Amino acid sequence: FVAAFTWSGSRGYYADSVKDRVTIVRDNAKNRAYLQMNSLKPEDTAVY
């Protein structure tokens, strides 16, 4: 797990390993989810 949101929720949920570096953003009107990742580390290398 990395991050998530519920469609009606007011906040995102994050894994401890990324919580200070990652933000999940929702666009309800367009049915889209974005993951903004900053301060990336080699340990973040993966298929997302």
All heavy atoms as atom14 arrays in JSON, in Angstrom:
{
  "sequence": "FVAAFTWSGSRGYYADSVKDRVTIVRDNAKNRAYLQMNSLKPEDTAVY",
  "atom14_mask": [
    [1, 1, 1, 1, 1, 1, 1, 1, 1, 1, 1, 0, 0, 0],
    [1, 1, 1, 1, 1, 1, 1, 0, 0, 0, 0, 0, 0, 0],
    [1, 1, 1, 1, 1, 0, 0, 0, 0, 0, 0, 0, 0, 0],
    [1, 1, 1, 1, 1, 0, 0, 0, 0, 0, 0, 0, 0, 0],
    [1, 1, 1, 1, 1, 1, 1, 1, 1, 1, 1, 0, 0, 0],
    [1, 1, 1, 1, 1, 1, 1, 0, 0, 0, 0, 0, 0, 0],
    [1, 1, 1, 1, 1, 1, 1, 1, 1, 1, 1, 1, 1, 1],
    [1, 1, 1, 1, 1, 1, 0, 0, 0, 0, 0, 0, 0, 0],
    [1, 1, 1, 1, 0, 0, 0, 0, 0, 0, 0, 0, 0, 0],
    [1, 1, 1, 1, 1, 1, 0, 0, 0, 0, 0, 0, 0, 0],
    [1, 1, 1, 1, 1, 1, 1, 1, 1, 1, 1, 0, 0, 0],
    [1, 1, 1, 1, 0, 0, 0, 0, 0, 0, 0, 0, 0, 0],
    [1, 1, 1, 1, 1, 1, 1, 1, 1, 1, 1, 1, 0, 0],
    [1, 1, 1, 1, 1, 1, 1, 1, 1, 1, 1, 1, 0, 0],
    [1, 1, 1, 1, 1, 0, 0, 0, 0, 0, 0, 0, 0, 0],
    [1, 1, 1, 1, 1, 1, 1, 1, 0, 0, 0, 0, 0, 0],
    [1, 1, 1, 1, 1, 1, 0, 0, 0, 0, 0, 0, 0, 0],
    [1, 1, 1, 1, 1, 1, 1, 0, 0, 0, 0, 0, 0, 0],
    [1, 1, 1, 1, 1, 1, 1, 1, 1, 0, 0, 0, 0, 0],
    [1, 1, 1, 1, 1, 1, 1, 1, 0, 0, 0, 0, 0, 0],
    [1, 1, 1, 1, 1, 1, 1, 1, 1, 1, 1, 0, 0, 0],
    [1, 1, 1, 1, 1, 1, 1, 0, 0, 0, 0, 0, 0, 0],
    [1, 1, 1, 1, 1, 1, 1, 0, 0, 0, 0, 0, 0, 0],
    [1, 1, 1, 1, 1, 1, 1, 1, 0, 0, 0, 0, 0, 0],
    [1, 1, 1, 1, 1, 1, 1, 0, 0, 0, 0, 0, 0, 0],
    [1, 1, 1, 1, 1, 1, 1, 1, 1, 1, 1, 0, 0, 0],
    [1, 1, 1, 1, 1, 1, 1, 1, 0, 0, 0, 0, 0, 0],
    [1, 1, 1, 1, 1, 1, 1, 1, 0, 0, 0, 0, 0, 0],
    [1, 1, 1, 1, 1, 0, 0, 0, 0, 0, 0, 0, 0, 0],
    [1, 1, 1, 1, 1, 1, 1, 1, 1, 0, 0, 0, 0, 0],
    [1, 1, 1, 1, 1, 1, 1, 1, 0, 0, 0, 0, 0, 0],
    [1, 1, 1, 1, 1, 1, 1, 1, 1, 1, 1, 0, 0, 0],
    [1, 1, 1, 1, 1, 0, 0, 0, 0, 0, 0, 0, 0, 0],
    [1, 1, 1, 1, 1, 1, 1, 1, 1, 1, 1, 1, 0, 0],
    [1, 1, 1, 1, 1, 1, 1, 1, 0, 0, 0, 0, 0, 0],
    [1, 1, 1, 1, 1, 1, 1, 1, 1, 0, 0, 0, 0, 0],
    [1, 1, 1, 1, 1, 1, 1, 1, 0, 0, 0, 0, 0, 0],
    [1, 1, 1, 1, 1, 1, 1, 1, 0, 0, 0, 0, 0, 0],
    [1, 1, 1, 1, 1, 1, 0, 0, 0, 0, 0, 0, 0, 0],
    [1, 1, 1, 1, 1, 1, 1, 1, 0, 0, 0, 0, 0, 0],
    [1, 1, 1, 1, 1, 1, 1, 1, 1, 0, 0, 0, 0, 0],
    [1, 1, 1, 1, 1, 1, 1, 0, 0, 0, 0, 0, 0, 0],
    [1, 1, 1, 1, 1, 1, 1, 1, 1, 0, 0, 0, 0, 0],
    [1, 1, 1, 1, 1, 1, 1, 1, 0, 0, 0, 0, 0, 0],
    [1, 1, 1, 1, 1, 1, 1, 0, 0, 0, 0, 0, 0, 0],
    [1, 1, 1, 1, 1, 0, 0, 0, 0, 0, 0, 0, 0, 0],
    [1, 1, 1, 1, 1, 1, 1, 0, 0, 0, 0, 0, 0, 0],
    [1, 1, 1, 1, 1, 1, 1, 1, 1, 1, 1, 1, 0, 0]
  ],
  "atom14_positions": [
    [[0.82, -1.2, 0.0], [0.0, 0.0, 0.0], [0.85, 1.25, 0.0], [1.89, 1.32, 0.67], [-0.9, -0.02, 1.23], [-1.72, 1.23, 1.42], [-2.91, 1.4, 0.76], [-1.27, 2.23, 2.26], [-3.66, 2.55, 0.93], [-2.01, 3.38, 2.44], [-3.21, 3.54, 1.77], [0.0, 0.0, 0.0], [0.0, 0.0, 0.0], [0.0, 0.0, 0.0]],
    [[0.43, 2.27, -0.74], [1.1, 3.55, -0.77], [0.19, 4.67, -0.27], [0.51, 5.37, 0.69], [1.61, 3.91, -2.17], [2.27, 5.29, -2.18], [2.6, 2.85, -2.67], [0.0, 0.0, 0.0], [0.0, 0.0, 0.0], [0.0, 0.0, 0.0], [0.0, 0.0, 0.0], [0.0, 0.0, 0.0], [0.0, 0.0, 0.0], [0.0, 0.0, 0.0]],
    [[-0.96, 4.84, -0.9], [-1.87, 5.92, -0.55], [-3.26, 5.61, -1.07], [-3.43, 4.83, -2.01], [-1.38, 7.26, -1.11], [0.0, 0.0, 0.0], [0.0, 0.0, 0.0], [0.0, 0.0, 0.0], [0.0, 0.0, 0.0], [0.0, 0.0, 0.0], [0.0, 0.0, 0.0], [0.0, 0.0, 0.0], [0.0, 0.0, 0.0], [0.0, 0.0, 0.0]],
    [[-4.27, 6.24, -0.47], [-5.64, 6.01, -0.9], [-6.54, 7.14, -0.42], [-6.17, 7.92, 0.46], [-6.16, 4.67, -0.36], [0.0, 0.0, 0.0], [0.0, 0.0, 0.0], [0.0, 0.0, 0.0], [0.0, 0.0, 0.0], [0.0, 0.0, 0.0], [0.0, 0.0, 0.0], [0.0, 0.0, 0.0], [0.0, 0.0, 0.0], [0.0, 0.0, 0.0]],
    [[-7.72, 7.2, -1.03], [-8.77, 8.07, -0.54], [-10.11, 7.41, -0.79], [-10.26, 6.6, -1.7], [-8.73, 9.47, -1.19], [-8.93, 9.46, -2.69], [-10.18, 9.29, -3.25], [-7.86, 9.68, -3.53], [-10.36, 9.31, -4.62], [-8.03, 9.7, -4.91], [-9.28, 9.51, -5.45], [0.0, 0.0, 0.0], [0.0, 0.0, 0.0], [0.0, 0.0, 0.0]],
    [[-11.08, 7.76, 0.04], [-12.46, 7.38, -0.22], [-13.13, 8.5, -0.98], [-12.72, 9.66, -0.89], [-13.22, 7.09, 1.08], [-13.26, 8.28, 1.88], [-12.54, 5.98, 1.87], [0.0, 0.0, 0.0], [0.0, 0.0, 0.0], [0.0, 0.0, 0.0], [0.0, 0.0, 0.0], [0.0, 0.0, 0.0], [0.0, 0.0, 0.0], [0.0, 0.0, 0.0]],
    [[-14.16, 8.15, -1.74], [-14.78, 9.16, -2.59], [-15.47, 10.25, -1.81], [-15.57, 11.38, -2.28], [-15.75, 8.49, -3.57], [-15.73, 9.16, -4.9], [-16.71, 9.93, -5.46], [-14.65, 9.13, -5.85], [-16.32, 10.39, -6.69], [-15.05, 9.9, -6.96], [-13.39, 8.52, -5.87], [-14.23, 10.08, -8.07], [-12.58, 8.71, -6.98], [-13.01, 9.47, -8.05]],
    [[-15.95, 9.92, -0.64], [-16.66, 10.9, 0.18], [-15.85, 11.37, 1.37], [-16.33, 12.17, 2.18], [-17.98, 10.31, 0.68], [-17.76, 9.16, 1.47], [0.0, 0.0, 0.0], [0.0, 0.0, 0.0], [0.0, 0.0, 0.0], [0.0, 0.0, 0.0], [0.0, 0.0, 0.0], [0.0, 0.0, 0.0], [0.0, 0.0, 0.0], [0.0, 0.0, 0.0]],
    [[-14.62, 10.9, 1.51], [-13.8, 11.25, 2.64], [-13.21, 12.64, 2.54], [-13.26, 13.31, 1.51], [0.0, 0.0, 0.0], [0.0, 0.0, 0.0], [0.0, 0.0, 0.0], [0.0, 0.0, 0.0], [0.0, 0.0, 0.0], [0.0, 0.0, 0.0], [0.0, 0.0, 0.0], [0.0, 0.0, 0.0], [0.0, 0.0, 0.0], [0.0, 0.0, 0.0]],
    [[-12.61, 13.06, 3.65], [-12.05, 14.4, 3.74], [-10.53, 14.41, 3.82], [-9.92, 15.48, 3.89], [-12.62, 15.13, 4.95], [-12.34, 14.45, 6.15], [0.0, 0.0, 0.0], [0.0, 0.0, 0.0], [0.0, 0.0, 0.0], [0.0, 0.0, 0.0], [0.0, 0.0, 0.0], [0.0, 0.0, 0.0], [0.0, 0.0, 0.0], [0.0, 0.0, 0.0]],
    [[-9.91, 13.24, 3.81], [-8.47, 13.17, 3.92], [-7.93, 11.96, 3.19], [-8.67, 11.03, 2.87], [-8.04, 13.11, 5.39], [-8.62, 11.92, 6.14], [-7.89, 11.67, 7.43], [-6.53, 11.21, 7.17], [-5.66, 10.88, 8.11], [-6.01, 10.98, 9.39], [-4.45, 10.47, 7.8], [0.0, 0.0, 0.0], [0.0, 0.0, 0.0], [0.0, 0.0, 0.0]],
    [[-6.66, 11.98, 2.92], [-6.0, 10.84, 2.33], [-5.41, 9.93, 3.38], [-5.28, 10.29, 4.55], [0.0, 0.0, 0.0], [0.0, 0.0, 0.0], [0.0, 0.0, 0.0], [0.0, 0.0, 0.0], [0.0, 0.0, 0.0], [0.0, 0.0, 0.0], [0.0, 0.0, 0.0], [0.0, 0.0, 0.0], [0.0, 0.0, 0.0], [0.0, 0.0, 0.0]],
    [[-5.05, 8.73, 2.96], [-4.43, 7.74, 3.83], [-3.1, 7.34, 3.21], [-3.01, 7.12, 2.0], [-5.34, 6.52, 3.99], [-6.68, 6.86, 4.57], [-7.71, 7.34, 3.76], [-6.93, 6.72, 5.93], [-8.94, 7.68, 4.29], [-8.17, 7.05, 6.47], [-9.16, 7.53, 5.64], [-10.38, 7.86, 6.18], [0.0, 0.0, 0.0], [0.0, 0.0, 0.0]],
    [[-2.08, 7.23, 4.05], [-0.73, 7.03, 3.53], [0.04, 5.98, 4.31], [-0.14, 5.82, 5.52], [0.06, 8.35, 3.59], [-0.57, 9.47, 2.81], [-1.41, 10.38, 3.43], [-0.32, 9.61, 1.46], [-2.0, 11.4, 2.72], [-0.9, 10.64, 0.73], [-1.75, 11.53, 1.37], [-2.32, 12.54, 0.65], [0.0, 0.0, 0.0], [0.0, 0.0, 0.0]],
    [[0.89, 5.29, 3.6], [1.84, 4.41, 4.26], [2.87, 5.26, 5.0], [3.22, 6.36, 4.56], [2.54, 3.51, 3.24], [0.0, 0.0, 0.0], [0.0, 0.0, 0.0], [0.0, 0.0, 0.0], [0.0, 0.0, 0.0], [0.0, 0.0, 0.0], [0.0, 0.0, 0.0], [0.0, 0.0, 0.0], [0.0, 0.0, 0.0], [0.0, 0.0, 0.0]],
    [[3.36, 4.74, 6.12], [4.33, 5.49, 6.92], [5.58, 5.84, 6.13], [6.2, 6.88, 6.35], [4.72, 4.7, 8.17], [3.6, 4.61, 9.18], [2.67, 5.44, 9.12], [3.65, 3.72, 10.05], [0.0, 0.0, 0.0], [0.0, 0.0, 0.0], [0.0, 0.0, 0.0], [0.0, 0.0, 0.0], [0.0, 0.0, 0.0], [0.0, 0.0, 0.0]],
    [[5.95, 4.99, 5.2], [7.18, 5.18, 4.46], [7.14, 6.35, 3.48], [8.18, 6.81, 3.02], [7.54, 3.9, 3.7], [6.51, 3.55, 2.79], [0.0, 0.0, 0.0], [0.0, 0.0, 0.0], [0.0, 0.0, 0.0], [0.0, 0.0, 0.0], [0.0, 0.0, 0.0], [0.0, 0.0, 0.0], [0.0, 0.0, 0.0], [0.0, 0.0, 0.0]],
    [[5.93, 6.84, 3.18], [5.8, 7.9, 2.18], [4.99, 9.1, 2.65], [4.86, 10.07, 1.91], [5.17, 7.37, 0.87], [5.99, 6.22, 0.31], [3.72, 6.95, 1.11], [0.0, 0.0, 0.0], [0.0, 0.0, 0.0], [0.0, 0.0, 0.0], [0.0, 0.0, 0.0], [0.0, 0.0, 0.0], [0.0, 0.0, 0.0], [0.0, 0.0, 0.0]],
    [[4.47, 9.07, 3.85], [3.45, 10.03, 4.27], [3.9, 11.48, 4.22], [3.07, 12.38, 4.05], [2.94, 9.68, 5.66], [3.98, 9.79, 6.76], [3.38, 9.45, 8.12], [4.39, 9.58, 9.23], [3.8, 9.24, 10.55], [0.0, 0.0, 0.0], [0.0, 0.0, 0.0], [0.0, 0.0, 0.0], [0.0, 0.0, 0.0], [0.0, 0.0, 0.0]],
    [[5.18, 11.74, 4.36], [5.69, 13.11, 4.34], [6.15, 13.54, 2.95], [6.54, 14.7, 2.76], [6.84, 13.27, 5.32], [6.42, 13.09, 6.77], [5.29, 13.49, 7.11], [7.21, 12.53, 7.56], [0.0, 0.0, 0.0], [0.0, 0.0, 0.0], [0.0, 0.0, 0.0], [0.0, 0.0, 0.0], [0.0, 0.0, 0.0], [0.0, 0.0, 0.0]],
    [[6.07, 12.65, 1.99], [6.6, 12.93, 0.67], [5.57, 12.75, -0.44], [5.85, 13.12, -1.59], [7.8, 12.03, 0.38], [8.92, 12.16, 1.39], [10.11, 11.27, 1.05], [9.79, 9.86, 1.18], [9.79, 9.0, 0.17], [10.11, 9.41, -1.06], [9.5, 7.72, 0.37], [0.0, 0.0, 0.0], [0.0, 0.0, 0.0], [0.0, 0.0, 0.0]],
    [[4.44, 12.2, -0.12], [3.44, 11.84, -1.13], [2.1, 12.45, -0.78], [1.72, 12.51, 0.39], [3.33, 10.31, -1.23], [2.09, 9.91, -2.04], [4.57, 9.72, -1.86], [0.0, 0.0, 0.0], [0.0, 0.0, 0.0], [0.0, 0.0, 0.0], [0.0, 0.0, 0.0], [0.0, 0.0, 0.0], [0.0, 0.0, 0.0], [0.0, 0.0, 0.0]],
    [[1.4, 12.88, -1.81], [0.04, 13.39, -1.66], [-0.85, 12.76, -2.71], [-0.51, 12.75, -3.89], [-0.01, 14.93, -1.8], [0.85, 15.53, -0.84], [-1.43, 15.43, -1.58], [0.0, 0.0, 0.0], [0.0, 0.0, 0.0], [0.0, 0.0, 0.0], [0.0, 0.0, 0.0], [0.0, 0.0, 0.0], [0.0, 0.0, 0.0], [0.0, 0.0, 0.0]],
    [[-1.98, 12.22, -2.28], [-2.95, 11.69, -3.21], [-4.04, 12.72, -3.4], [-4.53, 13.32, -2.44], [-3.52, 10.33, -2.75], [-4.4, 9.72, -3.84], [-4.28, 10.46, -1.43], [-4.76, 8.26, -3.6], [0.0, 0.0, 0.0], [0.0, 0.0, 0.0], [0.0, 0.0, 0.0], [0.0, 0.0, 0.0], [0.0, 0.0, 0.0], [0.0, 0.0, 0.0]],
    [[-4.41, 12.95, -4.64], [-5.38, 13.97, -5.0], [-6.5, 13.33, -5.81], [-6.24, 12.52, -6.7], [-4.73, 15.11, -5.8], [-5.77, 16.18, -6.14], [-3.58, 15.72, -5.02], [0.0, 0.0, 0.0], [0.0, 0.0, 0.0], [0.0, 0.0, 0.0], [0.0, 0.0, 0.0], [0.0, 0.0, 0.0], [0.0, 0.0, 0.0], [0.0, 0.0, 0.0]],
    [[-7.71, 13.7, -5.52], [-8.85, 13.16, -6.26], [-9.53, 14.25, -7.07], [-9.56, 15.41, -6.69], [-9.87, 12.53, -5.3], [-10.53, 13.52, -4.36], [-11.42, 12.82, -3.36], [-12.01, 13.76, -2.41], [-12.65, 13.4, -1.32], [-12.79, 12.11, -1.03], [-13.15, 14.32, -0.5], [0.0, 0.0, 0.0], [0.0, 0.0, 0.0], [0.0, 0.0, 0.0]],
    [[-10.06, 13.84, -8.2], [-10.87, 14.7, -9.04], [-12.18, 13.97, -9.25], [-12.3, 13.11, -10.13], [-10.18, 14.99, -10.37], [-10.92, 16.03, -11.19], [-12.14, 16.16, -11.05], [-10.25, 16.72, -11.99], [0.0, 0.0, 0.0], [0.0, 0.0, 0.0], [0.0, 0.0, 0.0], [0.0, 0.0, 0.0], [0.0, 0.0, 0.0], [0.0, 0.0, 0.0]],
    [[-13.16, 14.27, -8.42], [-14.42, 13.55, -8.46], [-15.13, 13.67, -9.81], [-15.7, 12.71, -10.32], [-15.35, 14.06, -7.35], [-14.87, 13.68, -5.97], [-13.76, 13.17, -5.78], [-15.72, 13.92, -4.97], [0.0, 0.0, 0.0], [0.0, 0.0, 0.0], [0.0, 0.0, 0.0], [0.0, 0.0, 0.0], [0.0, 0.0, 0.0], [0.0, 0.0, 0.0]],
    [[-15.1, 14.87, -10.38], [-15.82, 15.11, -11.62], [-15.26, 14.29, -12.78], [-16.01, 13.91, -13.69], [-15.81, 16.59, -11.96], [0.0, 0.0, 0.0], [0.0, 0.0, 0.0], [0.0, 0.0, 0.0], [0.0, 0.0, 0.0], [0.0, 0.0, 0.0], [0.0, 0.0, 0.0], [0.0, 0.0, 0.0], [0.0, 0.0, 0.0], [0.0, 0.0, 0.0]],
    [[-13.98, 14.03, -12.76], [-13.33, 13.33, -13.87], [-12.96, 11.89, -13.56], [-12.35, 11.22, -14.4], [-12.08, 14.1, -14.3], [-12.36, 15.5, -14.8], [-11.09, 16.2, -15.23], [-11.38, 17.6, -15.76], [-10.13, 18.29, -16.18], [0.0, 0.0, 0.0], [0.0, 0.0, 0.0], [0.0, 0.0, 0.0], [0.0, 0.0, 0.0], [0.0, 0.0, 0.0]],
    [[-13.32, 11.41, -12.37], [-12.98, 10.05, -11.96], [-11.49, 9.77, -12.11], [-11.08, 8.78, -12.73], [-13.8, 9.03, -12.75], [-15.26, 9.03, -12.36], [-15.63, 9.39, -11.25], [-16.11, 8.6, -13.29], [0.0, 0.0, 0.0], [0.0, 0.0, 0.0], [0.0, 0.0, 0.0], [0.0, 0.0, 0.0], [0.0, 0.0, 0.0], [0.0, 0.0, 0.0]],
    [[-10.72, 10.63, -11.54], [-9.27, 10.51, -11.61], [-8.64, 10.58, -10.24], [-9.18, 11.2, -9.32], [-8.68, 11.62, -12.49], [-8.96, 11.46, -13.97], [-8.34, 12.6, -14.75], [-8.59, 12.47, -16.18], [-7.78, 11.84, -17.02], [-6.64, 11.3, -16.59], [-8.09, 11.77, -18.31], [0.0, 0.0, 0.0], [0.0, 0.0, 0.0], [0.0, 0.0, 0.0]],
    [[-7.5, 9.94, -10.12], [-6.69, 10.0, -8.92], [-5.26, 10.31, -9.32], [-4.74, 9.75, -10.29], [-6.75, 8.69, -8.14], [0.0, 0.0, 0.0], [0.0, 0.0, 0.0], [0.0, 0.0, 0.0], [0.0, 0.0, 0.0], [0.0, 0.0, 0.0], [0.0, 0.0, 0.0], [0.0, 0.0, 0.0], [0.0, 0.0, 0.0], [0.0, 0.0, 0.0]],
    [[-4.64, 11.18, -8.58], [-3.27, 11.57, -8.84], [-2.41, 11.26, -7.63], [-2.87, 11.31, -6.49], [-3.17, 13.07, -9.16], [-4.03, 13.5, -10.31], [-5.33, 13.94, -10.11], [-3.54, 13.47, -11.62], [-6.12, 14.33, -11.17], [-4.33, 13.86, -12.68], [-5.61, 14.29, -12.45], [-6.4, 14.68, -13.51], [0.0, 0.0, 0.0], [0.0, 0.0, 0.0]],
    [[-1.18, 10.95, -7.88], [-0.22, 10.72, -6.82], [0.98, 11.63, -7.06], [1.76, 11.4, -7.99], [0.22, 9.25, -6.77], [1.07, 8.86, -5.56], [0.2, 8.85, -4.3], [1.71, 7.49, -5.78], [0.0, 0.0, 0.0], [0.0, 0.0, 0.0], [0.0, 0.0, 0.0], [0.0, 0.0, 0.0], [0.0, 0.0, 0.0], [0.0, 0.0, 0.0]],
    [[1.09, 12.65, -6.24], [2.22, 13.57, -6.32], [3.31, 13.06, -5.4], [3.1, 12.93, -4.19], [1.8, 14.98, -5.91], [2.93, 15.99, -5.92], [3.46, 16.26, -7.31], [2.68, 16.47, -8.24], [4.77, 16.23, -7.46], [0.0, 0.0, 0.0], [0.0, 0.0, 0.0], [0.0, 0.0, 0.0], [0.0, 0.0, 0.0], [0.0, 0.0, 0.0]],
    [[4.46, 12.76, -5.95], [5.57, 12.2, -5.2], [6.75, 13.16, -5.25], [7.22, 13.52, -6.33], [5.97, 10.83, -5.74], [4.84, 9.81, -5.72], [5.39, 8.14, -6.14], [5.86, 8.39, -7.86], [0.0, 0.0, 0.0], [0.0, 0.0, 0.0], [0.0, 0.0, 0.0], [0.0, 0.0, 0.0], [0.0, 0.0, 0.0], [0.0, 0.0, 0.0]],
    [[7.21, 13.54, -4.1], [8.34, 14.45, -3.97], [9.46, 13.79, -3.18], [9.26, 12.8, -2.49], [7.91, 15.75, -3.28], [6.79, 16.45, -4.0], [6.8, 16.58, -5.22], [5.81, 16.94, -3.23], [0.0, 0.0, 0.0], [0.0, 0.0, 0.0], [0.0, 0.0, 0.0], [0.0, 0.0, 0.0], [0.0, 0.0, 0.0], [0.0, 0.0, 0.0]],
    [[10.64, 14.38, -3.27], [11.8, 13.88, -2.53], [11.97, 12.38, -2.71], [12.14, 11.62, -1.75], [11.67, 14.23, -1.04], [11.57, 15.63, -0.85], [0.0, 0.0, 0.0], [0.0, 0.0, 0.0], [0.0, 0.0, 0.0], [0.0, 0.0, 0.0], [0.0, 0.0, 0.0], [0.0, 0.0, 0.0], [0.0, 0.0, 0.0], [0.0, 0.0, 0.0]],
    [[11.92, 11.94, -3.93], [11.96, 10.51, -4.22], [13.3, 9.9, -3.86], [14.35, 10.54, -3.96], [11.65, 10.27, -5.69], [10.18, 10.42, -6.06], [10.0, 10.54, -7.56], [9.37, 9.24, -5.52], [0.0, 0.0, 0.0], [0.0, 0.0, 0.0], [0.0, 0.0, 0.0], [0.0, 0.0, 0.0], [0.0, 0.0, 0.0], [0.0, 0.0, 0.0]],
    [[13.24, 8.65, -3.44], [14.4, 7.89, -3.03], [14.54, 6.64, -3.9], [13.55, 6.17, -4.45], [14.28, 7.46, -1.57], [14.04, 8.6, -0.59], [13.81, 8.07, 0.81], [13.55, 9.19, 1.79], [13.3, 8.67, 3.16], [0.0, 0.0, 0.0], [0.0, 0.0, 0.0], [0.0, 0.0, 0.0], [0.0, 0.0, 0.0], [0.0, 0.0, 0.0]],
    [[15.74, 6.1, -4.02], [15.89, 4.85, -4.77], [14.97, 3.74, -4.27], [14.54, 2.9, -5.07], [17.37, 4.5, -4.58], [18.03, 5.81, -4.38], [17.04, 6.64, -3.6], [0.0, 0.0, 0.0], [0.0, 0.0, 0.0], [0.0, 0.0, 0.0], [0.0, 0.0, 0.0], [0.0, 0.0, 0.0], [0.0, 0.0, 0.0], [0.0, 0.0, 0.0]],
    [[14.67, 3.73, -2.99], [13.78, 2.73, -2.42], [12.35, 2.84, -2.94], [11.55, 1.92, -2.74], [13.76, 2.83, -0.89], [15.13, 2.72, -0.24], [15.78, 4.08, -0.06], [16.49, 4.53, -0.99], [15.58, 4.7, 1.01], [0.0, 0.0, 0.0], [0.0, 0.0, 0.0], [0.0, 0.0, 0.0], [0.0, 0.0, 0.0], [0.0, 0.0, 0.0]],
    [[12.02, 3.95, -3.57], [10.69, 4.12, -4.15], [10.56, 3.46, -5.51], [9.46, 3.43, -6.08], [10.36, 5.61, -4.29], [10.27, 6.32, -2.95], [9.67, 5.76, -2.01], [10.81, 7.44, -2.84], [0.0, 0.0, 0.0], [0.0, 0.0, 0.0], [0.0, 0.0, 0.0], [0.0, 0.0, 0.0], [0.0, 0.0, 0.0], [0.0, 0.0, 0.0]],
    [[11.65, 2.95, -6.04], [11.62, 2.3, -7.34], [10.7, 1.09, -7.3], [10.86, 0.19, -6.48], [13.02, 1.88, -7.76], [13.84, 3.04, -7.94], [12.98, 1.1, -9.08], [0.0, 0.0, 0.0], [0.0, 0.0, 0.0], [0.0, 0.0, 0.0], [0.0, 0.0, 0.0], [0.0, 0.0, 0.0], [0.0, 0.0, 0.0], [0.0, 0.0, 0.0]],
    [[9.72, 1.07, -8.19], [8.74, -0.01, -8.24], [7.79, 0.25, -9.39], [7.8, 1.32, -10.01], [7.96, -0.09, -6.92], [0.0, 0.0, 0.0], [0.0, 0.0, 0.0], [0.0, 0.0, 0.0], [0.0, 0.0, 0.0], [0.0, 0.0, 0.0], [0.0, 0.0, 0.0], [0.0, 0.0, 0.0], [0.0, 0.0, 0.0], [0.0, 0.0, 0.0]],
    [[6.97, -0.75, -9.67], [5.82, -0.55, -10.54], [4.67, -0.06, -9.67], [4.33, -0.7, -8.66], [5.43, -1.83, -11.28], [4.17, -1.6, -12.12], [6.57, -2.3, -12.17], [0.0, 0.0, 0.0], [0.0, 0.0, 0.0], [0.0, 0.0, 0.0], [0.0, 0.0, 0.0], [0.0, 0.0, 0.0], [0.0, 0.0, 0.0], [0.0, 0.0, 0.0]],
    [[4.08, 1.05, -10.04], [3.0, 1.63, -9.27], [1.67, 1.31, -9.94], [1.49, 1.54, -11.14], [3.18, 3.14, -9.15], [4.23, 3.52, -8.14], [5.58, 3.26, -8.39], [3.89, 4.11, -6.93], [6.54, 3.57, -7.45], [4.85, 4.43, -5.99], [6.18, 4.16, -6.26], [7.14, 4.49, -5.33], [0.0, 0.0, 0.0], [0.0, 0.0, 0.0]]
  ]
}
